[in-house]
Every structure is written in C-alpha cells, then in structure tokens.
Amino acid sequence: MRRLRRSWSARRAGPRRAAESPRRPAFLERSAVLTLDPARQAGRALAAAQATYQAGAFDAALGLLATAEAGPPDQLRRARADLLRGQIAFSSSHGK
C-alpha cells in the first residue's frame, strides 16, 4: 500500500519528479534486455542510457549507448545517441 501511495504522489508531482526515481535506470535497462524486437530494444536501451546518464553513471550509460547503436539503422535514434554521447563526454571532462 505504501508503494501505491508513493507512486500516486510521484504522478501528482508531475513527470519530472517521477523521472527522478532512482529505480528508473535499472527498470529501463531491464526492459531493454527483455525486449525481443531489435528496433524497440535499441530505443529502450537509448532511454535507459539517458536515464543512467542523468543518474551520473557515465560508463554504464556508454555501455547502453553501444547497445542502442547496435540496433537497426534509424536516423533519429542515431542523432539522439550522438547528442547523448556528446553530453556524456562534456560532463565527464567538465569536472577535471
């Protein structure tokens, strides 16, 4: 019952708060692994990479990006992957 209340309060707080859930990257990564369709798997891996990047796990995000790029060719997904790769490179070198 407690989980249901937390879930409901996260929904009321808006999508931004729900997206900040610490379990989100793991959930998205697992959904990508379990998806059989290569195009959908690549899309889910890209979503997992984005969430993992936002959580601050840059190396894990790069691994998920590799999975996303291994999927069937898609220009939009490729552009999003390139953007994310640039964001990761900037963030990981910005603190040095």
C-alpha atoms as a PDB file:
ATOM      1  CA  MET A   1       0.000   0.000   0.000  1.00  0.00           C
ATOM      2  CA  ARG A   2       2.896   2.331   0.785  1.00  0.00           C
ATOM      3  CA  ARG A   3       4.330   1.872  -2.724  1.00  0.00           C
ATOM      4  CA  LEU A   4       0.984   2.701  -4.264  1.00  0.00           C
ATOM      5  CA  ARG A   5       0.854   5.953  -2.292  1.00  0.00           C
ATOM      6  CA  ARG A   6       4.410   6.873  -3.326  1.00  0.00           C
ATOM      7  CA  SER A   7       3.618   6.113  -6.946  1.00  0.00           C
ATOM      8  CA  TRP A   8       0.471   8.212  -6.802  1.00  0.00           C
ATOM      9  CA  SER A   9       2.281  11.143  -5.172  1.00  0.00           C
ATOM     10  CA  ALA A  10       5.022  10.971  -7.812  1.00  0.00           C
ATOM     11  CA  ARG A  11       2.391  11.166 -10.547  1.00  0.00           C
ATOM     12  CA  ARG A  12       0.761  14.158  -8.902  1.00  0.00           C
ATOM     13  CA  ALA A  13       4.141  15.869  -8.634  1.00  0.00           C
ATOM     14  CA  GLY A  14       4.493  15.628 -12.389  1.00  0.00           C
ATOM     15  CA  PRO A  15       6.640  13.736 -14.860  1.00  0.00           C
ATOM     16  CA  ARG A  16       9.842  15.442 -13.759  1.00  0.00           C
ATOM     17  CA  ARG A  17       9.631  14.011 -10.242  1.00  0.00           C
ATOM     18  CA  ALA A  18       8.652  10.564 -11.491  1.00  0.00           C
ATOM     19  CA  ALA A  19      11.613  10.606 -13.879  1.00  0.00           C
ATOM     20  CA  GLU A  20      13.973  11.248 -10.976  1.00  0.00           C
ATOM     21  CA  SER A  21      13.175   7.901  -9.374  1.00  0.00           C
ATOM     22  CA  PRO A  22      16.419   6.094  -8.519  1.00  0.00           C
ATOM     23  CA  ARG A  23      14.978   2.841  -9.861  1.00  0.00           C
ATOM     24  CA  ARG A  24      14.196   4.237 -13.286  1.00  0.00           C
ATOM     25  CA  PRO A  25      17.565   3.486 -14.984  1.00  0.00           C
ATOM     26  CA  ALA A  26      17.540  -0.130 -13.781  1.00  0.00           C
ATOM     27  CA  PHE A  27      13.934  -0.587 -14.852  1.00  0.00           C
ATOM     28  CA  LEU A  28      14.608   0.799 -18.325  1.00  0.00           C
ATOM     29  CA  GLU A  29      17.763  -1.276 -18.719  1.00  0.00           C
ATOM     30  CA  ARG A  30      15.884  -4.430 -17.762  1.00  0.00           C
ATOM     31  CA  SER A  31      13.074  -3.645 -20.196  1.00  0.00           C
ATOM     32  CA  ALA A  32      15.634  -3.219 -22.990  1.00  0.00           C
ATOM     33  CA  VAL A  33      17.216  -6.582 -22.190  1.00  0.00           C
ATOM     34  CA  LEU A  34      13.851  -8.360 -22.190  1.00  0.00           C
ATOM     35  CA  THR A  35      12.635  -6.827 -25.469  1.00  0.00           C
ATOM     36  CA  LEU A  36      12.857  -9.179 -28.439  1.00  0.00           C
ATOM     37  CA  ASP A  37      12.256  -6.731 -31.298  1.00  0.00           C
ATOM     38  CA  PRO A  38      15.678  -5.228 -32.209  1.00  0.00           C
ATOM     39  CA  ALA A  39      14.306  -1.774 -33.076  1.00  0.00           C
ATOM     40  CA  ARG A  40      12.326  -1.477 -29.856  1.00  0.00           C
ATOM     41  CA  GLN A  41      15.233  -2.889 -27.878  1.00  0.00           C
ATOM     42  CA  ALA A  42      17.529  -0.210 -29.285  1.00  0.00           C
ATOM     43  CA  GLY A  43      15.023   2.522 -28.436  1.00  0.00           C
ATOM     44  CA  ARG A  44      14.650   1.258 -24.896  1.00  0.00           C
ATOM     45  CA  ALA A  45      18.414   0.943 -24.500  1.00  0.00           C
ATOM     46  CA  LEU A  46      18.732   4.578 -25.557  1.00  0.00           C
ATOM     47  CA  ALA A  47      16.102   5.618 -22.996  1.00  0.00           C
ATOM     48  CA  ALA A  48      17.971   3.614 -20.348  1.00  0.00           C
ATOM     49  CA  ALA A  49      21.241   5.267 -21.369  1.00  0.00           C
ATOM     50  CA  GLN A  50      19.670   8.713 -20.975  1.00  0.00           C
ATOM     51  CA  ALA A  51      18.313   7.878 -17.511  1.00  0.00           C
ATOM     52  CA  THR A  52      21.626   6.327 -16.480  1.00  0.00           C
ATOM     53  CA  TYR A  53      23.480   9.433 -17.650  1.00  0.00           C
ATOM     54  CA  GLN A  54      21.126  11.619 -15.620  1.00  0.00           C
ATOM     55  CA  ALA A  55      21.855   9.422 -12.602  1.00  0.00           C
ATOM     56  CA  GLY A  56      25.572  10.146 -13.070  1.00  0.00           C
ATOM     57  CA  ALA A  57      26.736   6.676 -14.163  1.00  0.00           C
ATOM     58  CA  PHE A  58      28.595   7.716 -17.310  1.00  0.00           C
ATOM     59  CA  ASP A  59      30.349   4.396 -18.034  1.00  0.00           C
ATOM     60  CA  ALA A  60      27.118   2.426 -17.716  1.00  0.00           C
ATOM     61  CA  ALA A  61      25.388   4.947 -19.981  1.00  0.00           C
ATOM     62  CA  LEU A  62      28.082   4.447 -22.637  1.00  0.00           C
ATOM     63  CA  GLY A  63      27.543   0.690 -22.480  1.00  0.00           C
ATOM     64  CA  LEU A  64      23.816   1.140 -23.017  1.00  0.00           C
ATOM     65  CA  LEU A  65      24.555   3.534 -25.878  1.00  0.00           C
ATOM     66  CA  ALA A  66      26.558   0.787 -27.574  1.00  0.00           C
ATOM     67  CA  THR A  67      23.529  -1.495 -27.297  1.00  0.00           C
ATOM     68  CA  ALA A  68      21.290   1.208 -28.752  1.00  0.00           C
ATOM     69  CA  GLU A  69      23.648   1.797 -31.679  1.00  0.00           C
ATOM     70  CA  ALA A  70      23.826  -1.935 -32.434  1.00  0.00           C
ATOM     71  CA  GLY A  71      20.131  -1.923 -33.358  1.00  0.00           C
ATOM     72  CA  PRO A  72      18.720  -1.429 -36.848  1.00  0.00           C
ATOM     73  CA  PRO A  73      19.613   1.889 -38.535  1.00  0.00           C
ATOM     74  CA  ASP A  74      17.375   4.773 -37.524  1.00  0.00           C
ATOM     75  CA  GLN A  75      18.363   8.405 -38.138  1.00  0.00           C
ATOM     76  CA  LEU A  76      16.522   9.875 -35.168  1.00  0.00           C
ATOM     77  CA  ARG A  77      17.873   7.300 -32.733  1.00  0.00           C
ATOM     78  CA  ARG A  78      21.380   7.824 -34.138  1.00  0.00           C
ATOM     79  CA  ALA A  79      21.097  11.597 -33.684  1.00  0.00           C
ATOM     80  CA  ARG A  80      19.842  11.191 -30.110  1.00  0.00           C
ATOM     81  CA  ALA A  81      22.699   8.763 -29.394  1.00  0.00           C
ATOM     82  CA  ASP A  82      25.252  11.219 -30.796  1.00  0.00           C
ATOM     83  CA  LEU A  83      23.806  14.022 -28.668  1.00  0.00           C
ATOM     84  CA  LEU A  84      23.909  11.869 -25.549  1.00  0.00           C
ATOM     85  CA  ARG A  85      27.466  10.755 -26.282  1.00  0.00           C
ATOM     86  CA  GLY A  86      28.475  14.427 -26.518  1.00  0.00           C
ATOM     87  CA  GLN A  87      26.703  15.248 -23.252  1.00  0.00           C
ATOM     88  CA  ILE A  88      28.480  12.380 -21.512  1.00  0.00           C
ATOM     89  CA  ALA A  89      31.859  13.488 -22.894  1.00  0.00           C
ATOM     90  CA  PHE A  90      31.256  17.062 -21.734  1.00  0.00           C
ATOM     91  CA  SER A  91      30.012  16.043 -18.283  1.00  0.00           C
ATOM     92  CA  SER A  92      32.788  13.558 -17.642  1.00  0.00           C
ATOM     93  CA  SER A  93      35.533  16.001 -18.631  1.00  0.00           C
ATOM     94  CA  HIS A  94      33.921  19.110 -17.130  1.00  0.00           C
ATOM     95  CA  GLY A  95      34.915  18.230 -13.579  1.00  0.00           C
ATOM     96  CA  LYS A  96      38.583  17.588 -14.421  1.00  0.00           C
END
